[in-house]
Protein backbone atom coordinates (compact mmCIF):
# COMPACT_ATOMS: atom_id res chain seq x y z
CA MET A 1 16.90 -4.83 -10.30
CA LYS A 2 19.71 -1.85 -9.99
CA ILE A 3 18.43 -1.03 -6.52
CA PRO A 4 20.60 -2.48 -3.94
CA GLU A 5 18.90 -5.55 -2.35
CA ALA A 6 19.87 -4.06 0.97
CA ALA A 7 17.72 -1.15 0.46
CA LEU A 8 14.67 -3.54 -0.34
CA GLN A 9 15.14 -4.80 3.04
CA GLN A 10 14.04 -1.46 4.70
CA HIS A 11 11.43 0.94 4.66
CA LEU A 12 11.05 2.99 0.97
CA ALA A 13 9.45 6.32 0.26
CA VAL A 14 8.27 6.78 -3.39
CA LEU A 15 7.38 10.29 -3.85
CA GLY A 16 6.09 11.99 -7.17
CA LYS A 17 3.01 13.72 -8.81
CA THR A 18 0.21 12.16 -10.56
CA GLY A 19 1.65 10.59 -13.89
CA SER A 20 5.08 10.53 -12.65
CA GLY A 21 5.39 6.66 -12.73
CA LYS A 22 5.54 5.94 -9.26
CA THR A 23 2.94 3.04 -9.00
CA PHE A 24 4.92 1.91 -12.18
CA ALA A 25 8.16 2.02 -10.77
CA VAL A 26 7.09 0.23 -7.36
CA LYS A 27 5.35 -2.58 -9.48
CA GLY A 28 8.64 -3.28 -11.11
CA ILE A 29 10.09 -3.87 -7.55
CA VAL A 30 7.33 -6.16 -6.52
CA GLU A 31 7.47 -8.11 -9.61
CA HIS A 32 11.14 -8.85 -8.35
CA LEU A 33 10.08 -9.54 -4.77
CA LEU A 34 7.53 -12.00 -5.91
CA ALA A 35 9.94 -13.80 -8.63
CA GLU A 36 12.36 -14.12 -5.76
CA HIS A 37 9.42 -15.69 -3.52
CA LYS A 38 9.34 -13.02 -1.04
CA ARG A 39 5.98 -12.40 0.89
CA VAL A 40 4.13 -9.38 -0.40
CA GLY A 41 1.01 -7.31 0.62
CA ILE A 42 -0.20 -4.55 -1.04
CA VAL A 43 -2.83 -1.85 0.22
CA ASP A 44 -4.41 -0.46 -2.79
CA PRO A 45 -7.07 2.31 -2.42
CA THR A 46 -6.95 2.94 -6.36
CA GLY A 47 -7.77 -0.26 -7.69
CA ALA A 48 -4.50 -0.19 -9.92
CA TRP A 49 -2.69 -3.38 -8.79
CA TRP A 50 -4.90 -6.41 -10.05
CA GLY A 51 -3.01 -6.58 -13.08
CA LEU A 52 0.00 -8.61 -11.34
CA ARG A 53 -2.19 -11.80 -11.81
CA SER A 54 -1.78 -11.40 -15.53
CA SER A 55 1.06 -11.20 -18.30
CA ARG A 56 1.74 -8.13 -19.58
CA ASP A 57 -0.18 -8.64 -22.99
CA GLY A 58 -3.01 -10.09 -20.92
CA LYS A 59 -3.27 -13.38 -22.61
CA GLY A 60 -1.42 -15.38 -19.88
CA ALA A 61 -0.53 -15.84 -16.21
CA GLY A 62 1.25 -13.29 -14.02
CA PHE A 63 1.88 -13.92 -10.37
CA PRO A 64 -0.42 -15.93 -8.15
CA ILE A 65 -1.26 -13.12 -5.78
CA LEU A 66 -4.80 -13.02 -4.23
CA VAL A 67 -6.87 -9.87 -5.07
CA LEU A 68 -9.44 -8.84 -2.55
CA GLY A 69 -12.13 -6.16 -3.37
CA GLY A 70 -12.63 -3.93 -6.22
CA ASP A 71 -13.99 -4.88 -9.74
CA ASN A 72 -11.45 -7.38 -10.18
CA GLY A 73 -11.14 -9.02 -6.89
CA ASP A 74 -11.41 -13.08 -6.28
CA LEU A 75 -13.32 -11.99 -3.29
CA PRO A 76 -14.99 -9.01 -1.80
CA LEU A 77 -12.81 -7.16 0.88
CA PRO A 78 -15.30 -6.82 3.93
CA ALA A 79 -15.14 -3.69 5.65
CA LEU A 80 -14.83 -5.55 9.02
CA GLY A 81 -12.20 -8.00 7.54
CA GLY A 82 -8.81 -6.06 8.39
CA ALA A 83 -7.86 -8.44 10.88
CA ALA A 84 -8.76 -11.33 8.80
CA VAL A 85 -6.83 -10.12 5.74
CA ALA A 86 -3.88 -9.66 8.07
CA ARG A 87 -3.97 -13.01 9.23
CA LEU A 88 -3.99 -14.43 5.72
CA LEU A 89 -0.80 -12.52 5.12
CA THR A 90 1.00 -13.47 8.51
CA GLU A 91 -0.43 -16.83 9.34
CA GLN A 92 -1.57 -18.50 5.90
CA ARG A 93 1.34 -16.60 4.19
CA VAL A 94 -0.78 -15.73 1.21
CA ASN A 95 0.49 -12.89 -1.00
CA LEU A 96 -2.23 -10.63 -1.67
CA ILE A 97 -3.60 -7.25 -2.78
CA ALA A 98 -6.06 -5.64 -0.41
CA ASP A 99 -8.40 -3.03 -2.90
CA THR A 100 -10.01 -0.58 -0.59
CA SER A 101 -11.09 1.52 -3.18
CA GLN A 102 -14.96 0.56 -2.61
CA LEU A 103 -14.89 1.10 0.77
CA SER A 104 -16.04 4.49 2.07
CA VAL A 105 -13.41 6.76 3.77
CA GLY A 106 -15.00 5.49 7.29
CA GLU A 107 -14.77 2.03 6.28
CA ARG A 108 -11.34 2.18 5.03
CA THR A 109 -10.21 3.85 8.27
CA ARG A 110 -11.78 1.19 10.39
CA TRP A 111 -10.55 -1.59 8.09
CA PHE A 112 -6.69 -0.33 8.19
CA ILE A 113 -6.82 0.09 12.07
CA ASP A 114 -7.73 -3.63 12.26
CA PHE A 115 -5.23 -4.64 9.67
CA ALA A 116 -2.24 -2.74 10.97
CA HIS A 117 -2.73 -3.84 14.40
CA THR A 118 -3.06 -7.45 13.62
CA LEU A 119 -0.37 -7.26 11.19
CA HIS A 120 2.14 -5.85 13.73
CA LYS A 121 0.79 -8.31 16.28
CA THR A 122 1.03 -11.53 14.54
CA ASN A 123 3.88 -11.13 11.71
CA LYS A 124 6.83 -12.97 11.99
CA GLY A 125 9.55 -12.99 9.25
CA PRO A 126 10.12 -10.56 6.45
CA LEU A 127 7.06 -9.10 4.78
CA HIS A 128 6.79 -6.50 2.28
CA LEU A 129 4.04 -4.31 2.66
CA VAL A 130 3.10 -1.73 -0.06
CA LEU A 131 0.99 1.16 1.05
CA ASP A 132 -0.41 3.03 -2.10
CA GLU A 133 -1.50 6.70 -1.64
CA ALA A 134 0.15 6.23 1.87
CA HIS A 135 -1.31 9.84 2.99
CA ASN A 136 -4.69 8.33 3.14
CA PHE A 137 -3.56 6.09 6.01
CA ALA A 138 -0.85 8.52 7.65
CA PRO A 139 -2.05 12.07 7.35
CA GLN A 140 -0.05 15.21 8.02
CA GLY A 141 -1.82 17.73 9.97
CA LYS A 142 -4.48 17.97 12.72
CA VAL A 143 -6.83 14.91 13.07
CA MET A 144 -10.36 15.68 14.02
CA ASP A 145 -11.94 12.25 13.96
CA PRO A 146 -10.72 9.74 16.77
CA ASP A 147 -10.94 6.73 14.41
CA ALA A 148 -8.45 8.74 12.12
CA GLY A 149 -6.27 9.45 15.06
CA LYS A 150 -6.17 5.64 15.71
CA MET A 151 -5.28 5.07 12.06
CA LEU A 152 -2.49 7.46 11.99
CA HIS A 153 -1.21 5.73 15.37
CA ALA A 154 -1.52 2.56 13.63
CA ALA A 155 0.43 3.56 10.41
CA ASN A 156 3.02 5.29 12.28
CA ARG A 157 3.46 2.26 14.62
CA LEU A 158 4.06 0.14 11.55
CA ALA A 159 6.84 2.66 10.12
CA ALA A 160 8.37 3.00 13.62
CA GLU A 161 8.31 -0.52 15.17
CA GLY A 162 7.34 -2.56 12.32
CA ARG A 163 10.81 -3.41 10.84
CA SER A 164 11.57 -5.31 14.21
CA ARG A 165 8.64 -7.46 13.38
CA GLY A 166 10.08 -8.05 9.75
CA ILE A 167 7.77 -5.61 8.04
CA ARG A 168 9.32 -3.55 5.21
CA LEU A 169 7.24 -0.68 4.04
CA ALA A 170 7.25 0.90 0.70
CA MET A 171 4.93 3.98 0.90
CA ILE A 172 3.63 5.71 -2.24
CA THR A 173 2.45 9.19 -2.60
CA GLN A 174 1.51 11.86 -5.00
CA ARG A 175 1.50 14.35 -2.31
CA PRO A 176 4.36 14.04 0.05
CA GLN A 177 3.21 17.21 2.36
CA LYS A 178 0.19 15.40 3.25
CA LEU A 179 2.15 12.35 4.29
CA HIS A 180 2.92 12.53 8.11
CA LYS A 181 6.41 13.24 8.65
CA ASP A 182 6.98 10.52 11.39
CA THR A 183 6.05 7.86 8.72
CA LEU A 184 7.95 9.71 5.78
CA THR A 185 11.21 10.04 7.70
CA SER A 186 11.00 6.38 8.70
CA ALA A 187 12.13 5.58 5.05
CA ASP A 188 15.66 4.55 4.58
CA THR A 189 15.65 4.73 0.95
CA LEU A 190 13.86 7.41 -1.04
CA ILE A 191 12.49 7.24 -4.51
CA ALA A 192 12.06 10.83 -5.91
CA MET A 193 10.16 11.28 -9.19
CA ARG A 194 8.77 14.23 -10.65
CA VAL A 195 7.24 16.77 -8.14
CA LEU A 196 6.25 20.36 -8.81
CA ALA A 197 4.17 21.81 -6.00
CA PRO A 198 6.44 23.84 -3.48
CA HIS A 199 4.89 22.35 -0.37
CA ASP A 200 5.72 18.79 -1.84
CA ARG A 201 9.18 19.78 -2.52
CA GLU A 202 9.77 20.81 0.81
CA ALA A 203 8.49 17.37 2.20
CA VAL A 204 11.16 15.78 0.00
CA GLU A 205 13.67 18.35 1.50
CA ALA A 206 12.61 17.22 4.90
CA TRP A 207 13.58 13.57 4.16
CA VAL A 208 16.83 14.81 2.75
CA ASP A 209 17.56 16.82 5.96
CA GLY A 210 16.96 13.99 8.12
CA CYS A 211 18.30 11.13 6.25
CA GLY A 212 20.64 12.07 3.41
CA ASP A 213 23.47 14.60 2.84
CA PRO A 214 22.20 18.10 2.25
CA LYS A 215 24.71 18.89 -0.52
CA GLN A 216 23.87 15.87 -2.50
CA GLY A 217 20.14 16.93 -1.87
CA LYS A 218 20.67 19.93 -3.82
CA GLU A 219 21.23 18.13 -7.00
CA VAL A 220 18.04 15.88 -6.40
CA LEU A 221 15.73 18.73 -5.22
CA ASN A 222 16.80 21.13 -8.12
CA SER A 223 16.18 18.29 -10.65
CA LEU A 224 12.55 17.07 -9.47
CA ALA A 225 10.55 19.51 -11.55
CA ASN A 226 12.31 18.40 -14.92
CA MET A 227 12.12 14.56 -14.33
CA GLN A 228 10.57 12.59 -17.07
CA ARG A 229 7.54 10.01 -16.57
CA GLY A 230 9.20 6.64 -15.10
CA GLU A 231 12.40 8.41 -13.99
CA GLY A 232 13.57 8.90 -10.66
CA TRP A 233 16.48 9.55 -7.99
CA VAL A 234 16.94 6.38 -5.86
CA TRP A 235 18.78 7.30 -2.68
CA TYR A 236 20.09 4.70 0.10
CA PRO A 237 22.39 6.88 2.21
CA GLU A 238 23.29 4.00 4.58
CA GLY A 239 24.73 1.96 1.26
CA GLY A 240 26.13 5.02 -0.24
CA PHE A 241 23.86 4.62 -3.22
CA LEU A 242 22.54 7.69 -5.09
CA GLU A 243 21.59 7.23 -8.76
CA LYS A 244 19.15 8.76 -11.02
CA MET A 245 17.27 5.96 -13.35
CA LYS A 246 14.81 5.35 -15.80
CA PHE A 247 12.71 2.30 -14.37
CA PRO A 248 12.12 -0.70 -16.71
CA ALA A 249 8.80 -1.66 -18.14
CA ILE A 250 6.73 -3.87 -16.00
CA LYS A 251 6.32 -7.57 -16.98
CA THR A 252 2.64 -7.90 -16.03
CA PHE A 253 -0.52 -6.31 -17.04
CA ASP A 254 -0.49 -2.47 -16.82
CA SER A 255 -3.55 -2.05 -14.79
CA SER A 256 -2.74 1.29 -13.54
CA ALA A 257 -2.92 2.65 -17.20
CA THR A 258 -5.00 5.61 -18.14
CA PRO A 259 -7.75 5.01 -20.42
CA THR A 260 -7.62 7.26 -23.32
CA ASP A 261 -10.64 9.01 -25.48
CA GLY A 262 -12.95 7.99 -22.96
CA GLY A 263 -12.48 4.37 -23.43
CA THR A 264 -12.28 1.70 -20.54
CA LEU A 265 -9.35 -0.73 -19.44
CA GLN A 266 -10.00 -4.07 -20.82
CA ALA A 267 -9.58 -6.95 -18.31
CA PRO A 268 -7.10 -9.57 -19.35
CA LYS A 269 -8.04 -12.84 -20.78
CA GLY A 270 -5.34 -14.81 -18.98
CA ALA A 271 -4.30 -14.75 -15.20
CA ALA A 272 -2.79 -16.93 -12.66
CA GLU A 273 -5.18 -19.24 -10.76
CA ILE A 274 -5.48 -19.37 -7.09
CA ASP A 275 -7.00 -22.13 -4.89
CA LEU A 276 -9.87 -20.10 -2.89
CA THR A 277 -11.31 -22.77 -1.02
CA GLU A 278 -9.35 -22.47 2.30
CA ILE A 279 -9.09 -18.62 2.06
CA LYS A 280 -13.02 -18.50 1.60
CA ALA A 281 -13.62 -20.40 4.87
CA ALA A 282 -10.82 -18.43 6.89
CA MET A 283 -12.05 -14.96 5.80
CA ALA A 284 -15.86 -16.06 6.40
CA ASP A 285 -15.01 -17.26 10.12
CA ALA A 286 -13.03 -14.24 10.83
CA VAL A 287 -15.54 -11.84 9.57
CA ARG A 288 -18.40 -13.61 11.35
CA GLU A 289 -16.20 -13.19 14.52
CA ALA A 290 -15.46 -9.43 13.93
CA GLU A 291 -19.14 -8.75 13.38
CA ALA A 292 -20.32 -10.64 16.45
CA ASN A 293 -17.77 -8.31 18.41
CA ASP A 294 -18.45 -5.19 16.63
CA PRO A 295 -19.74 -2.43 19.12
CA LYS A 296 -21.76 -0.62 16.60
CA LEU A 297 -23.23 -3.69 15.07
CA LEU A 298 -24.27 -4.86 18.65
CA ARG A 299 -25.86 -1.62 19.56
CA ALA A 300 -27.91 -1.92 16.08
CA LYS A 301 -29.07 -5.32 17.17
CA ILE A 302 -30.28 -4.31 20.61
CA ARG A 303 -31.98 -1.35 19.19
CA GLU A 304 -33.72 -3.58 16.80
CA LEU A 305 -34.71 -6.29 19.53
CA GLU A 306 -36.01 -3.27 21.84
CA LYS A 307 -38.19 -2.12 18.82
CA LYS A 308 -39.56 -5.59 18.48
CA ALA A 309 -40.23 -5.95 22.21
CA GLY A 310 -42.00 -2.35 22.20
CA THR A 311 -39.28 -1.01 24.91
CA PRO A 312 -39.23 2.76 24.50
């Protein structure tokens, strides 16, 4: 791992267009962290991370990381399970992937509010948290929906205050202009990969203006359009580190690979085993509690009871 270890102990922003190799690059970082027995949580709205459980060829075991939700999950990801998932990370210290790809936008919003709030409240000690497609959780621009506003506040709070609670964010986005500026500029280290759209380049420039040397930034900005897949600038100003590098191949199954010629990605035959007994019980109890206290569900039950009783 050529990236300075000190840079991995702070917030990280990974910016690049679709197909530039962002997720691939961060998977290599996560593999390094897991091999070093660090705590890791991944919020995955794309369903691209489950391959960490299997070896590169899909025949053997990868890392024993829990997968919740998606087509390849060990357990479902309940829409009201945000707090429960956070407590798995912080109290039971379970490394996990929360695959939110099958939640609706509204469900994902509610899930993340509960997750981020509980994570900030209960975490103690270093925790590396990956937010893939981070602009979904910290959107730039006017927020019309109240829940979306709460989600943005929760994400920005993790970025602004999370480090004092031990949280180290790795924020990945293919649309830097859509990632809230407060979240983006909280990153101490930048990995800048191929970026073409002018507005997205302006977002990278905003990070440079706030965190880096503008003179060095010119070289970075002028080269972004011509970067090759899997290639990126790693810039850690506090440590005086600026280097263009080619990220190495990952060691686990590439579940983010794009199927070709209309094919589908075949699930691997081997995977690391996980004991789900205590996890199932903890999730079930937490979700029942969340459902019992959910205002929408309570109102629905009241309406149902009134209907049965003949109350107008």
